[in-house]
N, C-alpha and C. Protein backbone atom coordinates (compact mmCIF):
# COMPACT_ATOMS: atom_id res chain seq x y z
N MET A 1 0.84 -1.18 0.00
CA MET A 1 0.00 0.00 0.00
C MET A 1 0.89 1.24 0.00
N SER A 2 0.64 2.14 -0.93
CA SER A 2 1.49 3.32 -1.03
C SER A 2 1.01 4.42 -0.08
N ALA A 3 1.94 5.28 0.29
CA ALA A 3 1.65 6.39 1.19
C ALA A 3 0.82 7.44 0.46
N ALA A 4 -0.01 8.14 1.23
CA ALA A 4 -0.83 9.21 0.67
C ALA A 4 -0.09 10.53 0.79
N PHE A 5 -0.09 11.28 -0.30
CA PHE A 5 0.53 12.59 -0.32
C PHE A 5 -0.55 13.63 -0.62
N VAL A 6 -0.40 14.82 -0.05
CA VAL A 6 -1.34 15.90 -0.26
C VAL A 6 -0.61 17.09 -0.89
N ARG A 7 -1.26 17.74 -1.84
CA ARG A 7 -0.66 18.92 -2.49
C ARG A 7 -0.72 20.10 -1.53
N VAL A 8 0.43 20.78 -1.36
CA VAL A 8 0.49 21.93 -0.46
C VAL A 8 0.90 23.22 -1.16
N GLY A 9 1.22 23.14 -2.44
CA GLY A 9 1.61 24.36 -3.15
C GLY A 9 2.26 24.06 -4.47
N ALA A 10 2.71 25.16 -5.11
CA ALA A 10 3.36 25.07 -6.42
C ALA A 10 4.84 25.40 -6.27
N LEU A 11 5.68 24.60 -6.89
CA LEU A 11 7.11 24.84 -6.87
C LEU A 11 7.44 26.21 -7.47
N SER A 12 6.69 26.63 -8.48
CA SER A 12 6.94 27.92 -9.12
C SER A 12 6.70 29.10 -8.17
N ASP A 13 5.99 28.86 -7.05
CA ASP A 13 5.73 29.91 -6.06
C ASP A 13 6.73 29.90 -4.90
N LEU A 14 7.72 29.01 -4.96
CA LEU A 14 8.67 28.87 -3.86
C LEU A 14 10.09 28.80 -4.41
N SER A 15 10.65 29.94 -4.70
CA SER A 15 12.00 29.99 -5.27
C SER A 15 13.05 29.61 -4.23
N PRO A 16 14.24 29.21 -4.67
CA PRO A 16 15.31 28.84 -3.74
C PRO A 16 15.58 29.96 -2.73
N GLY A 17 15.74 29.56 -1.47
CA GLY A 17 15.98 30.51 -0.39
C GLY A 17 14.72 31.06 0.24
N LYS A 18 13.55 30.59 -0.23
CA LYS A 18 12.27 31.08 0.29
C LYS A 18 11.57 29.99 1.08
N MET A 19 10.65 30.41 1.94
CA MET A 19 9.85 29.49 2.74
C MET A 19 8.47 30.10 2.95
N LYS A 20 7.52 29.24 3.34
CA LYS A 20 6.19 29.74 3.68
C LYS A 20 5.44 28.69 4.48
N CYS A 21 4.37 29.14 5.13
CA CYS A 21 3.51 28.26 5.89
C CYS A 21 2.38 27.78 4.98
N VAL A 22 2.07 26.49 5.05
CA VAL A 22 0.98 25.90 4.27
C VAL A 22 0.15 25.01 5.19
N LYS A 23 -1.08 24.76 4.80
CA LYS A 23 -1.96 23.85 5.53
C LYS A 23 -1.92 22.48 4.86
N ALA A 24 -1.80 21.45 5.67
CA ALA A 24 -1.87 20.07 5.19
C ALA A 24 -2.80 19.34 6.15
N GLY A 25 -4.04 19.24 5.77
CA GLY A 25 -5.04 18.69 6.68
C GLY A 25 -5.24 19.66 7.82
N ASP A 26 -5.03 19.19 9.06
CA ASP A 26 -5.17 20.06 10.22
C ASP A 26 -3.83 20.58 10.73
N ARG A 27 -2.78 20.37 9.96
CA ARG A 27 -1.43 20.79 10.36
C ARG A 27 -0.98 22.04 9.61
N CYS A 28 -0.22 22.87 10.29
CA CYS A 28 0.46 23.99 9.64
C CYS A 28 1.91 23.56 9.46
N LEU A 29 2.36 23.56 8.20
CA LEU A 29 3.72 23.13 7.90
C LEU A 29 4.52 24.28 7.31
N LEU A 30 5.80 24.26 7.59
CA LEU A 30 6.75 25.15 6.94
C LEU A 30 7.30 24.38 5.76
N ILE A 31 7.23 24.96 4.57
CA ILE A 31 7.94 24.38 3.43
C ILE A 31 9.03 25.37 3.05
N ALA A 32 10.19 24.84 2.77
CA ALA A 32 11.35 25.68 2.47
C ALA A 32 12.10 25.10 1.28
N ASN A 33 12.53 25.99 0.39
CA ASN A 33 13.32 25.61 -0.77
C ASN A 33 14.78 25.93 -0.48
N VAL A 34 15.57 24.89 -0.29
CA VAL A 34 17.00 25.04 0.00
C VAL A 34 17.77 24.58 -1.23
N ASP A 35 18.30 25.52 -1.97
CA ASP A 35 19.10 25.23 -3.17
C ASP A 35 18.37 24.31 -4.15
N GLY A 36 17.06 24.51 -4.29
CA GLY A 36 16.28 23.74 -5.26
C GLY A 36 15.63 22.48 -4.71
N THR A 37 15.90 22.13 -3.47
CA THR A 37 15.26 20.99 -2.83
C THR A 37 14.27 21.50 -1.79
N VAL A 38 13.04 20.97 -1.84
CA VAL A 38 12.00 21.43 -0.92
C VAL A 38 11.90 20.49 0.27
N TYR A 39 11.83 21.08 1.45
CA TYR A 39 11.69 20.34 2.70
C TYR A 39 10.43 20.80 3.41
N ALA A 40 9.86 19.92 4.24
CA ALA A 40 8.66 20.26 5.01
C ALA A 40 8.85 19.81 6.46
N MET A 41 8.41 20.67 7.37
CA MET A 41 8.45 20.36 8.80
C MET A 41 7.35 21.13 9.49
N ASP A 42 7.09 20.82 10.76
CA ASP A 42 6.10 21.58 11.51
C ASP A 42 6.49 23.05 11.53
N ASP A 43 5.50 23.93 11.47
CA ASP A 43 5.77 25.37 11.40
C ASP A 43 5.86 26.04 12.76
N THR A 44 5.37 25.42 13.81
CA THR A 44 5.32 26.07 15.12
C THR A 44 6.55 25.72 15.94
N CYS A 45 7.25 26.74 16.42
CA CYS A 45 8.44 26.56 17.26
C CYS A 45 8.10 25.70 18.47
N SER A 46 8.99 24.79 18.83
CA SER A 46 8.75 23.91 19.97
C SER A 46 8.98 24.61 21.31
N HIS A 47 9.52 25.80 21.30
CA HIS A 47 9.74 26.55 22.53
C HIS A 47 8.55 27.42 22.88
N GLU A 48 8.03 28.16 21.90
CA GLU A 48 6.86 29.02 22.10
C GLU A 48 6.00 28.93 20.86
N ASP A 49 4.78 29.40 20.97
CA ASP A 49 3.81 29.32 19.88
C ASP A 49 4.09 30.40 18.85
N ALA A 50 5.13 30.20 18.04
CA ALA A 50 5.51 31.16 17.00
C ALA A 50 5.62 30.45 15.67
N SER A 51 5.14 31.10 14.62
CA SER A 51 5.24 30.55 13.27
C SER A 51 6.66 30.76 12.75
N LEU A 52 7.34 29.66 12.47
CA LEU A 52 8.72 29.76 11.97
C LEU A 52 8.78 30.40 10.59
N SER A 53 7.69 30.32 9.84
CA SER A 53 7.68 30.90 8.50
C SER A 53 7.80 32.42 8.52
N THR A 54 7.60 33.04 9.70
CA THR A 54 7.79 34.49 9.82
C THR A 54 9.20 34.83 10.29
N GLY A 55 10.03 33.81 10.45
CA GLY A 55 11.42 34.00 10.84
C GLY A 55 12.29 34.18 9.61
N SER A 56 13.55 33.78 9.73
CA SER A 56 14.48 33.93 8.60
C SER A 56 15.11 32.59 8.25
N LEU A 57 15.35 32.41 6.96
CA LEU A 57 15.95 31.19 6.44
C LEU A 57 17.35 31.51 5.95
N ARG A 58 18.34 30.81 6.51
CA ARG A 58 19.73 30.95 6.09
C ARG A 58 20.24 29.55 5.79
N GLY A 59 20.41 29.27 4.50
CA GLY A 59 20.81 27.92 4.11
C GLY A 59 19.74 26.94 4.53
N GLU A 60 20.11 25.92 5.29
CA GLU A 60 19.15 24.92 5.73
C GLU A 60 18.62 25.17 7.14
N PHE A 61 18.82 26.37 7.66
CA PHE A 61 18.40 26.70 9.01
C PHE A 61 17.37 27.81 9.02
N VAL A 62 16.29 27.60 9.78
CA VAL A 62 15.28 28.63 9.97
C VAL A 62 15.41 29.13 11.41
N LYS A 63 15.35 30.45 11.55
CA LYS A 63 15.49 31.08 12.86
C LYS A 63 14.13 31.57 13.34
N CYS A 64 13.75 31.18 14.55
CA CYS A 64 12.47 31.58 15.13
C CYS A 64 12.47 33.10 15.36
N PRO A 65 11.37 33.77 15.00
CA PRO A 65 11.31 35.22 15.15
C PRO A 65 11.19 35.69 16.61
N LEU A 66 10.84 34.81 17.54
CA LEU A 66 10.66 35.25 18.94
C LEU A 66 11.95 35.25 19.76
N HIS A 67 12.59 34.10 19.86
CA HIS A 67 13.75 34.00 20.74
C HIS A 67 15.01 33.50 20.07
N GLY A 68 14.98 33.37 18.74
CA GLY A 68 16.20 33.07 18.00
C GLY A 68 16.61 31.62 17.89
N SER A 69 15.79 30.69 18.38
CA SER A 69 16.14 29.28 18.20
C SER A 69 16.21 28.96 16.72
N ARG A 70 17.15 28.11 16.35
CA ARG A 70 17.27 27.69 14.95
C ARG A 70 16.91 26.21 14.84
N PHE A 71 16.30 25.87 13.69
CA PHE A 71 15.95 24.49 13.37
C PHE A 71 16.48 24.16 11.99
N ASN A 72 16.92 22.91 11.83
CA ASN A 72 17.35 22.43 10.52
C ASN A 72 16.11 22.02 9.74
N VAL A 73 15.85 22.67 8.60
CA VAL A 73 14.64 22.37 7.83
C VAL A 73 14.70 21.00 7.16
N ARG A 74 15.88 20.43 7.01
CA ARG A 74 16.01 19.10 6.42
C ARG A 74 15.53 18.01 7.40
N THR A 75 15.81 18.23 8.69
CA THR A 75 15.57 17.19 9.69
C THR A 75 14.59 17.58 10.79
N GLY A 76 14.34 18.87 10.98
CA GLY A 76 13.50 19.35 12.08
C GLY A 76 14.25 19.47 13.39
N CYS A 77 15.55 19.18 13.40
CA CYS A 77 16.33 19.21 14.63
C CYS A 77 16.48 20.62 15.17
N ALA A 78 16.24 20.76 16.49
CA ALA A 78 16.48 22.03 17.18
C ALA A 78 17.98 22.19 17.34
N MET A 79 18.51 23.35 16.91
CA MET A 79 19.95 23.57 16.92
C MET A 79 20.41 24.48 18.06
N ASP A 80 19.54 25.38 18.51
CA ASP A 80 19.92 26.36 19.52
C ASP A 80 18.84 26.49 20.58
N GLU A 81 19.27 26.80 21.79
CA GLU A 81 18.33 27.12 22.85
C GLU A 81 17.69 28.48 22.55
N PRO A 82 16.52 28.76 23.05
CA PRO A 82 15.87 28.02 24.13
C PRO A 82 15.09 26.78 23.67
N ALA A 83 14.89 26.58 22.38
CA ALA A 83 14.20 25.36 21.93
C ALA A 83 15.10 24.15 22.14
N ASP A 84 14.54 23.10 22.73
CA ASP A 84 15.33 21.89 22.93
C ASP A 84 14.58 20.63 22.47
N THR A 85 13.45 20.84 21.78
CA THR A 85 12.67 19.73 21.26
C THR A 85 12.63 19.81 19.74
N ASP A 86 13.00 18.73 19.09
CA ASP A 86 12.97 18.68 17.62
C ASP A 86 11.54 18.75 17.11
N LEU A 87 11.39 19.21 15.88
CA LEU A 87 10.10 19.25 15.21
C LEU A 87 10.01 18.10 14.22
N LYS A 88 8.80 17.71 13.86
CA LYS A 88 8.62 16.65 12.88
C LYS A 88 8.94 17.20 11.49
N SER A 89 9.62 16.39 10.71
CA SER A 89 9.84 16.70 9.30
C SER A 89 9.06 15.68 8.49
N TYR A 90 8.73 16.05 7.25
CA TYR A 90 7.83 15.24 6.44
C TYR A 90 8.43 14.98 5.06
N GLN A 91 8.12 13.82 4.49
CA GLN A 91 8.55 13.47 3.15
C GLN A 91 7.92 14.42 2.14
N VAL A 92 8.69 14.83 1.14
CA VAL A 92 8.22 15.74 0.10
C VAL A 92 8.45 15.10 -1.26
N ARG A 93 7.49 15.27 -2.15
CA ARG A 93 7.64 14.86 -3.55
C ARG A 93 7.29 16.06 -4.42
N ILE A 94 7.98 16.17 -5.53
CA ILE A 94 7.66 17.18 -6.53
C ILE A 94 7.14 16.43 -7.76
N VAL A 95 5.93 16.75 -8.18
CA VAL A 95 5.32 16.14 -9.37
C VAL A 95 4.91 17.28 -10.28
N GLY A 96 5.67 17.44 -11.36
CA GLY A 96 5.45 18.61 -12.22
C GLY A 96 5.76 19.86 -11.43
N ASP A 97 4.76 20.73 -11.26
CA ASP A 97 4.93 21.96 -10.47
C ASP A 97 4.34 21.82 -9.07
N ASP A 98 3.77 20.65 -8.76
CA ASP A 98 3.10 20.45 -7.48
C ASP A 98 4.07 20.01 -6.39
N ILE A 99 3.94 20.63 -5.21
CA ILE A 99 4.67 20.20 -4.02
C ILE A 99 3.71 19.33 -3.22
N LEU A 100 4.10 18.08 -3.00
CA LEU A 100 3.28 17.12 -2.27
C LEU A 100 4.00 16.73 -0.98
N VAL A 101 3.23 16.64 0.12
CA VAL A 101 3.79 16.23 1.40
C VAL A 101 3.04 14.99 1.87
N GLU A 102 3.80 14.01 2.37
CA GLU A 102 3.20 12.78 2.85
C GLU A 102 2.36 13.06 4.09
N GLU A 103 1.13 12.59 4.07
CA GLU A 103 0.21 12.84 5.17
C GLU A 103 0.59 12.04 6.40
N GLY A 104 0.81 12.73 7.50
CA GLY A 104 0.99 12.09 8.79
C GLY A 104 2.26 11.30 8.98
N LYS A 105 3.18 11.35 8.05
CA LYS A 105 4.41 10.58 8.17
C LYS A 105 5.61 11.49 8.34
N GLU A 106 6.47 11.12 9.26
CA GLU A 106 7.71 11.87 9.44
C GLU A 106 8.74 11.41 8.42
N ALA A 107 9.62 12.33 8.07
CA ALA A 107 10.73 11.95 7.19
C ALA A 107 11.66 11.03 7.97
N GLY A 108 12.29 10.08 7.26
CA GLY A 108 13.13 9.10 7.90
C GLY A 108 14.31 9.68 8.53
C-alpha cells in the first residue's frame, strides 16, 4: 500500500531561499526551498507558539522570530536554545509543479 501525499503548493511559487507556511489537513507546515530541494516540517516553534515561516531562512536553518532558536529544515532538529525539542519533518515529492507532502508521516 502506497503512502498518501497531499498537495500543499506550487514549486513555481517557492523559489530557492524562500519558505512559507501551508496547511496540510489540520497541520500547519513550513515548506522551504533550500538550493532547489523542498523540505517540510512543523511550522510552530517547539519553545513558544511562534510561526517559523515568519522568521528567517539561512541555508538549511530557519530562525524563530521570537527568541532566535534555529531548526534544521532538512531534519526538524532544534539547533539552539531556548528550543530543545525537535520538530517533525515530512517526506516531500515534486510532481510537475506540485509540491506534495506525505500525510501524517515523518521523514526518515
